[in-house]
N, C-alpha and C. Protein backbone atom coordinates (compact mmCIF):
# COMPACT_ATOMS: atom_id res chain seq x y z
N MET A 1 -75.13 -20.06 23.40
CA MET A 1 -75.55 -20.56 24.94
C MET A 1 -74.98 -21.83 25.40
N PRO A 2 -74.21 -21.54 26.40
CA PRO A 2 -73.45 -22.90 27.09
C PRO A 2 -74.83 -23.60 27.34
N LEU A 3 -74.67 -24.99 27.40
CA LEU A 3 -75.45 -26.31 27.73
C LEU A 3 -74.88 -26.39 29.00
N SER A 4 -76.83 -27.04 29.95
CA SER A 4 -76.85 -27.45 31.00
C SER A 4 -76.07 -28.69 31.09
N LEU A 5 -75.75 -29.21 31.98
CA LEU A 5 -75.65 -30.76 32.54
C LEU A 5 -76.38 -31.54 32.05
N SER A 6 -77.31 -31.22 32.01
CA SER A 6 -78.71 -32.04 31.79
C SER A 6 -78.72 -32.30 29.87
N ASP A 7 -78.98 -30.90 29.78
CA ASP A 7 -78.51 -31.13 27.69
C ASP A 7 -77.23 -31.66 27.50
N SER A 8 -76.66 -31.79 27.93
CA SER A 8 -75.05 -32.77 27.70
C SER A 8 -75.04 -33.60 28.05
N LEU A 9 -76.06 -33.94 28.81
CA LEU A 9 -76.64 -36.24 29.67
C LEU A 9 -77.16 -36.47 28.11
N THR A 10 -78.30 -36.02 28.30
CA THR A 10 -78.97 -36.33 26.89
C THR A 10 -79.59 -36.07 26.17
N ARG A 11 -79.00 -34.33 25.35
CA ARG A 11 -78.91 -35.03 24.04
C ARG A 11 -77.43 -34.10 23.37
N ASN A 12 -76.66 -34.08 24.13
CA ASN A 12 -75.15 -33.67 23.79
C ASN A 12 -74.38 -35.51 23.72
N LYS A 13 -73.86 -35.33 22.04
CA LYS A 13 -73.08 -36.68 21.09
C LYS A 13 -71.72 -36.59 21.73
N ASN A 14 -71.56 -35.36 22.35
CA ASN A 14 -70.08 -35.34 21.99
C ASN A 14 -69.18 -35.77 22.33
N PHE A 15 -69.70 -36.54 23.39
CA PHE A 15 -68.64 -36.95 24.26
C PHE A 15 -68.92 -37.97 25.43
N ARG A 16 -68.19 -39.76 25.06
CA ARG A 16 -68.51 -40.62 25.91
C ARG A 16 -68.71 -40.91 26.98
N VAL A 17 -67.99 -40.48 28.01
CA VAL A 17 -67.77 -40.58 28.89
C VAL A 17 -67.83 -40.26 29.87
N CYS A 18 -68.38 -38.96 31.02
CA CYS A 18 -68.08 -38.83 32.19
C CYS A 18 -68.22 -39.92 33.03
N LEU A 19 -67.53 -39.88 33.83
CA LEU A 19 -67.43 -40.20 35.09
C LEU A 19 -66.43 -40.02 36.12
N CYS A 20 -66.95 -40.64 36.76
CA CYS A 20 -66.02 -40.66 38.52
C CYS A 20 -65.57 -41.83 39.52
N ILE A 21 -65.19 -42.45 39.69
CA ILE A 21 -64.83 -43.63 41.09
C ILE A 21 -64.27 -42.72 41.62
N PRO A 22 -64.28 -43.99 43.29
CA PRO A 22 -63.55 -43.61 44.02
C PRO A 22 -62.01 -44.26 43.62
N PHE A 23 -61.03 -43.69 44.54
CA PHE A 23 -59.41 -43.37 44.36
C PHE A 23 -59.74 -44.51 45.06
N SER A 24 -59.59 -44.99 45.92
CA SER A 24 -59.54 -46.46 46.51
C SER A 24 -60.23 -46.68 47.28
N SER A 25 -60.58 -47.73 47.20
CA SER A 25 -61.77 -48.68 48.34
C SER A 25 -61.13 -48.86 49.85
N THR A 26 -60.08 -48.01 50.26
CA THR A 26 -60.08 -48.11 51.44
C THR A 26 -60.92 -46.95 51.74
N PRO A 27 -61.46 -46.92 53.20
CA PRO A 27 -62.20 -46.14 53.57
C PRO A 27 -62.01 -45.22 53.94
N CYS A 28 -60.53 -45.06 55.10
CA CYS A 28 -59.37 -43.70 54.77
C CYS A 28 -59.04 -42.54 53.35
N LEU A 29 -59.49 -43.04 52.72
CA LEU A 29 -59.13 -42.69 51.55
C LEU A 29 -60.29 -42.31 50.79
N SER A 30 -62.06 -41.95 50.86
CA SER A 30 -62.47 -41.95 50.40
C SER A 30 -62.60 -40.80 49.98
N MET A 31 -62.19 -39.80 50.50
CA MET A 31 -62.25 -38.08 50.18
C MET A 31 -61.16 -37.62 49.16
N GLY A 32 -61.47 -39.05 47.88
CA GLY A 32 -61.02 -38.93 46.84
C GLY A 32 -60.47 -39.76 45.60
N ALA A 33 -61.42 -38.84 44.42
CA ALA A 33 -61.92 -39.43 43.45
C ALA A 33 -61.00 -39.18 41.65
N GLU A 34 -61.33 -40.46 41.26
CA GLU A 34 -60.46 -39.96 39.75
C GLU A 34 -61.47 -39.94 39.39
N THR A 35 -61.15 -38.96 38.13
CA THR A 35 -61.78 -38.61 37.17
C THR A 35 -61.91 -39.05 35.62
N SER A 36 -62.75 -38.36 34.56
CA SER A 36 -62.60 -38.97 32.98
C SER A 36 -63.87 -38.62 32.40
N ILE A 37 -62.85 -37.66 31.89
CA ILE A 37 -64.29 -37.43 30.32
C ILE A 37 -63.04 -37.60 29.84
N ASP A 38 -64.03 -38.30 28.10
CA ASP A 38 -63.81 -38.32 27.06
C ASP A 38 -64.49 -37.70 25.99
N VAL A 39 -63.99 -36.64 25.36
CA VAL A 39 -64.82 -35.80 24.10
C VAL A 39 -64.59 -36.34 22.72
N LYS A 40 -65.13 -37.08 22.69
CA LYS A 40 -64.97 -36.94 20.63
C LYS A 40 -64.12 -36.46 20.30
N LYS A 41 -63.02 -37.10 19.08
CA LYS A 41 -62.32 -36.71 17.98
C LYS A 41 -63.47 -35.09 17.53
N GLY A 42 -62.03 -34.48 17.44
CA GLY A 42 -62.66 -33.37 16.53
C GLY A 42 -64.15 -32.45 17.70
N CYS A 43 -63.78 -32.29 18.48
CA CYS A 43 -64.88 -31.40 19.81
C CYS A 43 -64.59 -30.84 20.31
N ALA A 44 -63.06 -31.33 21.17
CA ALA A 44 -61.89 -30.74 21.81
C ALA A 44 -61.82 -28.81 21.82
N GLY A 45 -62.14 -27.72 22.28
CA GLY A 45 -61.96 -26.58 21.96
C GLY A 45 -63.05 -25.85 21.99
N LEU A 46 -64.44 -27.04 22.27
CA LEU A 46 -65.94 -26.62 22.61
C LEU A 46 -66.39 -26.27 23.78
N GLY A 47 -65.58 -26.25 24.98
CA GLY A 47 -66.09 -25.68 26.25
C GLY A 47 -66.82 -27.14 26.66
N ILE A 48 -67.08 -28.99 26.21
CA ILE A 48 -67.65 -29.45 26.86
C ILE A 48 -67.09 -29.81 27.63
N GLY A 49 -65.21 -30.43 27.38
CA GLY A 49 -65.04 -30.39 28.81
C GLY A 49 -64.94 -30.07 29.70
N THR A 50 -64.81 -28.33 29.94
CA THR A 50 -64.61 -27.82 30.54
C THR A 50 -66.31 -27.87 31.71
N MET A 51 -67.19 -27.65 30.67
CA MET A 51 -68.73 -27.83 31.24
C MET A 51 -68.48 -29.23 32.33
N LEU A 52 -68.44 -30.19 31.91
CA LEU A 52 -68.86 -31.17 32.43
C LEU A 52 -67.77 -31.17 34.20
N TYR A 53 -67.04 -31.00 33.96
CA TYR A 53 -65.88 -30.87 35.07
C TYR A 53 -65.96 -29.83 36.01
N HIS A 54 -66.79 -29.07 35.56
CA HIS A 54 -67.46 -27.92 36.81
C HIS A 54 -68.23 -28.72 37.08
N ALA A 55 -69.33 -29.15 36.57
CA ALA A 55 -70.68 -29.62 36.77
C ALA A 55 -69.89 -31.17 38.31
N LEU A 56 -69.17 -31.74 37.14
CA LEU A 56 -67.95 -33.21 38.47
C LEU A 56 -68.19 -32.33 39.37
N GLU A 57 -67.51 -31.30 39.36
CA GLU A 57 -66.19 -31.24 40.70
C GLU A 57 -67.19 -30.68 41.66
N ALA A 58 -68.61 -29.83 41.21
CA ALA A 58 -69.53 -28.85 42.27
C ALA A 58 -70.60 -30.56 42.66
N LEU A 59 -70.39 -31.07 42.07
CA LEU A 59 -71.59 -32.23 42.83
C LEU A 59 -70.66 -33.03 43.45
N LEU A 60 -69.16 -33.00 43.44
CA LEU A 60 -68.15 -34.10 44.37
C LEU A 60 -67.65 -33.36 44.84
N LYS A 61 -67.81 -32.20 45.28
CA LYS A 61 -68.25 -31.38 46.48
C LYS A 61 -68.57 -31.79 47.88
N GLN A 62 -70.31 -31.21 46.74
CA GLN A 62 -71.52 -32.20 47.06
C GLN A 62 -71.54 -33.17 47.68
N GLN A 63 -70.82 -34.40 47.48
CA GLN A 63 -70.24 -35.70 48.32
C GLN A 63 -69.56 -35.78 49.62
N GLY A 64 -68.63 -34.53 49.46
CA GLY A 64 -67.61 -34.73 50.56
C GLY A 64 -65.87 -35.21 49.77
N VAL A 65 -65.98 -35.08 48.06
CA VAL A 65 -65.06 -35.74 47.92
C VAL A 65 -64.23 -33.96 48.61
N LEU A 66 -62.15 -34.27 48.26
CA LEU A 66 -61.97 -33.47 48.75
C LEU A 66 -60.74 -33.29 47.99
N ASN A 67 -60.04 -34.19 47.18
CA ASN A 67 -59.43 -34.56 46.04
C ASN A 67 -59.52 -35.29 45.03
N LEU A 68 -59.13 -34.27 43.65
CA LEU A 68 -59.56 -35.21 42.13
C LEU A 68 -57.86 -35.53 41.85
N ASN A 69 -58.43 -36.75 41.15
CA ASN A 69 -57.01 -37.30 40.79
C ASN A 69 -57.64 -38.27 39.69
N ALA A 70 -56.70 -37.70 38.40
CA ALA A 70 -56.58 -38.03 36.73
C ALA A 70 -55.56 -39.01 35.63
N CYS A 71 -55.16 -39.75 35.60
CA CYS A 71 -54.74 -40.47 35.39
C CYS A 71 -54.54 -40.93 33.37
N ILE A 72 -53.25 -40.02 33.13
CA ILE A 72 -53.41 -39.15 31.80
C ILE A 72 -52.50 -39.97 30.83
N THR A 73 -52.35 -40.91 29.77
CA THR A 73 -51.41 -41.35 28.98
C THR A 73 -50.62 -40.08 28.76
N TYR A 74 -49.87 -40.68 28.70
CA TYR A 74 -47.62 -39.46 28.99
C TYR A 74 -47.47 -39.89 27.72
N PRO A 75 -47.04 -39.15 26.54
CA PRO A 75 -47.69 -37.65 26.38
C PRO A 75 -48.65 -37.41 25.45
N ASN A 76 -49.17 -36.35 26.34
CA ASN A 76 -50.49 -35.91 25.65
C ASN A 76 -50.96 -34.30 26.33
N PRO A 77 -50.63 -33.40 25.33
CA PRO A 77 -50.58 -32.10 25.64
C PRO A 77 -51.09 -31.66 25.50
N GLY A 78 -52.55 -32.22 24.38
CA GLY A 78 -53.90 -31.78 25.66
C GLY A 78 -54.54 -32.05 26.11
N SER A 79 -54.42 -33.60 26.55
CA SER A 79 -55.13 -32.94 28.25
C SER A 79 -54.69 -32.57 29.24
N VAL A 80 -53.01 -32.50 28.95
CA VAL A 80 -52.68 -31.95 30.10
C VAL A 80 -52.79 -30.65 30.28
N GLY A 81 -52.41 -29.57 28.88
CA GLY A 81 -53.18 -28.71 29.32
C GLY A 81 -54.29 -28.30 29.32
N PHE A 82 -54.88 -29.27 29.17
CA PHE A 82 -56.43 -28.81 29.42
C PHE A 82 -56.90 -29.27 31.08
N HIS A 83 -56.33 -29.99 32.17
CA HIS A 83 -55.65 -30.09 33.79
C HIS A 83 -54.91 -28.61 34.45
N LYS A 84 -54.32 -28.68 33.64
CA LYS A 84 -53.50 -27.90 34.07
C LYS A 84 -54.57 -26.26 34.14
N ARG A 85 -54.89 -26.46 33.49
CA ARG A 85 -55.80 -25.05 33.51
C ARG A 85 -56.95 -25.17 33.99
N HIS A 86 -57.64 -26.25 34.83
CA HIS A 86 -58.20 -25.94 35.46
C HIS A 86 -57.83 -26.49 37.28
N GLY A 87 -56.60 -26.73 36.93
CA GLY A 87 -56.08 -26.30 38.52
C GLY A 87 -55.17 -27.50 39.26
N PHE A 88 -55.41 -28.90 38.37
CA PHE A 88 -54.36 -30.06 38.25
C PHE A 88 -53.12 -29.42 38.23
N GLN A 89 -52.39 -30.21 39.06
CA GLN A 89 -50.68 -30.10 38.48
C GLN A 89 -50.49 -32.30 38.85
N THR A 90 -49.29 -31.98 38.59
CA THR A 90 -48.48 -32.92 37.95
C THR A 90 -47.98 -33.98 39.35
N VAL A 91 -48.05 -35.11 39.70
CA VAL A 91 -47.85 -35.23 41.18
C VAL A 91 -46.74 -36.98 40.93
N ALA A 92 -47.26 -37.47 39.70
CA ALA A 92 -46.63 -38.41 39.67
C ALA A 92 -46.33 -38.71 38.14
N HIS A 93 -45.33 -40.27 37.48
CA HIS A 93 -44.41 -39.85 36.25
C HIS A 93 -44.17 -41.62 36.47
N PHE A 94 -45.20 -42.66 35.46
CA PHE A 94 -44.55 -43.73 35.32
C PHE A 94 -44.22 -44.18 33.90
N HIS A 95 -42.62 -44.64 34.13
CA HIS A 95 -42.80 -44.78 32.88
C HIS A 95 -42.91 -45.99 31.80
N GLN A 96 -43.35 -46.13 30.28
CA GLN A 96 -43.17 -47.12 29.35
C GLN A 96 -44.22 -48.06 30.28
N CYS A 97 -45.61 -47.84 31.00
CA CYS A 97 -46.20 -48.87 31.41
C CYS A 97 -47.75 -49.21 31.00
N GLY A 98 -47.91 -48.55 30.13
CA GLY A 98 -49.28 -48.94 28.91
C GLY A 98 -49.26 -49.13 27.47
N TRP A 99 -49.33 -49.87 27.02
CA TRP A 99 -49.97 -50.30 25.67
C TRP A 99 -50.70 -49.99 25.28
N LYS A 100 -50.42 -49.16 24.66
CA LYS A 100 -51.81 -48.58 23.61
C LYS A 100 -51.02 -48.17 21.86
N LEU A 101 -51.65 -47.73 21.45
CA LEU A 101 -51.81 -47.89 20.02
C LEU A 101 -50.71 -48.38 19.78
N ASN A 102 -50.41 -49.79 20.26
CA ASN A 102 -49.24 -51.29 19.10
C ASN A 102 -48.36 -50.08 19.64
N GLN A 103 -47.72 -49.35 20.78
CA GLN A 103 -46.29 -49.01 21.63
C GLN A 103 -46.88 -48.77 23.18
N TRP A 104 -45.56 -48.63 23.26
CA TRP A 104 -45.62 -48.38 25.03
C TRP A 104 -46.06 -46.90 25.19
N HIS A 105 -46.45 -46.58 26.33
CA HIS A 105 -46.62 -45.27 26.72
C HIS A 105 -46.12 -44.98 28.47
N ASP A 106 -46.24 -44.08 28.49
CA ASP A 106 -45.90 -43.22 30.09
C ASP A 106 -47.07 -43.10 30.40
N MET A 107 -47.54 -42.70 32.15
CA MET A 107 -48.52 -42.37 32.53
C MET A 107 -47.98 -41.00 33.60
N ILE A 108 -49.41 -40.53 33.75
CA ILE A 108 -48.52 -39.29 34.98
C ILE A 108 -50.34 -39.35 35.70
N TRP A 109 -50.11 -39.26 36.58
CA TRP A 109 -51.21 -38.16 37.54
C TRP A 109 -50.62 -37.17 37.89
N MET A 110 -52.46 -36.51 37.75
CA MET A 110 -52.48 -35.37 38.43
C MET A 110 -53.17 -35.47 39.27
N GLU A 111 -53.19 -34.31 39.85
CA GLU A 111 -54.27 -34.36 41.14
C GLU A 111 -55.07 -32.38 41.38
N LYS A 112 -55.78 -32.22 41.90
CA LYS A 112 -56.29 -30.78 42.27
C LYS A 112 -57.37 -31.42 43.75
N PHE A 113 -56.93 -30.12 44.43
CA PHE A 113 -57.73 -30.03 45.98
C PHE A 113 -58.79 -29.18 45.79
N ILE A 114 -59.62 -29.95 45.81
CA ILE A 114 -61.56 -28.78 46.22
C ILE A 114 -61.74 -28.59 47.52
N GLY A 115 -61.22 -29.17 48.48
CA GLY A 115 -62.20 -28.78 49.15
C GLY A 115 -60.38 -28.52 50.90
N GLU A 116 -61.50 -27.90 51.55
CA GLU A 116 -60.07 -27.87 53.14
C GLU A 116 -59.66 -29.16 53.62
N HIS A 117 -58.49 -29.32 53.73
CA HIS A 117 -58.09 -29.99 54.68
C HIS A 117 -57.33 -29.73 55.82
N SER A 118 -59.09 -29.64 56.81
CA SER A 118 -58.50 -29.72 57.91
C SER A 118 -59.08 -30.17 58.70
N GLY A 119 -58.44 -30.47 59.98
CA GLY A 119 -59.19 -31.82 60.47
C GLY A 119 -60.41 -32.91 59.91
N LYS A 120 -61.06 -33.31 60.98
CA LYS A 120 -61.99 -34.43 60.21
C LYS A 120 -63.04 -34.13 59.06
N PRO A 121 -62.35 -35.25 57.89
CA PRO A 121 -63.23 -34.69 56.83
C PRO A 121 -65.32 -35.37 57.34
N GLU A 122 -65.60 -34.45 56.94
CA GLU A 122 -67.56 -34.71 56.63
C GLU A 122 -67.05 -35.90 56.30
N PRO A 123 -68.15 -36.96 56.07
CA PRO A 123 -68.55 -38.88 55.74
C PRO A 123 -68.74 -38.38 54.50
N PHE A 124 -68.48 -39.57 53.52
CA PHE A 124 -68.98 -39.30 52.24
C PHE A 124 -70.51 -39.61 51.76
N ILE A 125 -71.04 -38.65 51.31
CA ILE A 125 -72.51 -38.89 50.75
C ILE A 125 -72.58 -39.67 49.63
N PRO A 126 -73.20 -40.52 49.07
CA PRO A 126 -73.50 -41.42 48.42
C PRO A 126 -74.40 -40.75 47.25
N PHE A 127 -74.48 -41.24 46.12
CA PHE A 127 -74.46 -40.28 45.34
C PHE A 127 -76.32 -40.21 44.89
N PRO A 128 -77.18 -40.96 45.33
CA PRO A 128 -78.21 -41.25 45.47
C PRO A 128 -78.82 -39.92 46.22
N GLU A 129 -78.36 -40.52 47.03
CA GLU A 129 -78.53 -39.42 48.85
C GLU A 129 -78.99 -37.86 48.12
N LEU A 130 -78.11 -37.61 47.10
CA LEU A 130 -77.44 -36.03 46.84
C LEU A 130 -79.04 -35.48 46.14
N ARG A 131 -79.88 -36.00 45.64
CA ARG A 131 -80.68 -36.24 45.01
C ARG A 131 -81.98 -36.19 46.09
N THR A 132 -82.26 -36.86 47.66
CA THR A 132 -82.77 -35.46 48.59
C THR A 132 -82.45 -34.49 49.28
N ARG A 133 -81.29 -33.68 49.22
CA ARG A 133 -81.39 -32.63 49.46
C ARG A 133 -81.17 -31.59 48.84
N GLU A 134 -81.75 -30.48 50.01
CA GLU A 134 -82.28 -29.20 49.08
C GLU A 134 -80.82 -28.59 48.46
N GLN A 135 -79.82 -28.39 48.35
CA GLN A 135 -78.76 -27.60 47.54
C GLN A 135 -78.38 -28.12 46.84
N SER A 136 -79.41 -29.32 46.32
CA SER A 136 -77.90 -30.94 44.88
C SER A 136 -78.75 -29.95 44.33
N PRO A 137 -77.96 -30.00 42.85
CA PRO A 137 -77.97 -29.00 41.57
C PRO A 137 -78.33 -30.36 40.61
N ILE A 138 -78.71 -31.57 40.61
CA ILE A 138 -79.30 -31.90 39.81
C ILE A 138 -80.42 -32.15 39.47
N PRO A 139 -80.78 -31.61 38.10
CA PRO A 139 -82.24 -31.86 38.24
C PRO A 139 -83.07 -32.77 37.69
């Protein structure tokens, strides 16, 4: 049986962090969000990342976010493949820009559009305000 978001957030210890931060503090760029999910080693392939990304994407759509952005250490075939399977595409590749595990690594940015880019966007809705809206899936 698949886990619900609340089960995962309260009882499941198979991921370290599921977060979303504004892509930029500039108001005109408030329709984008950087996302990150860190699934514990040995727990990949159990559907945890997929479930969390789907829940996170649904919440971000309600907030008025149109673009999701993911920054990924490269090479990382597992993460790149995961994001491609979920509709992300590579939009930037930076070379030898990060120091991790005692060596230089590249970094790529991947993006996914989750909303329409037609006309003026709706204002961003802060997370606490979603609890007061009837359509909110937040338990």
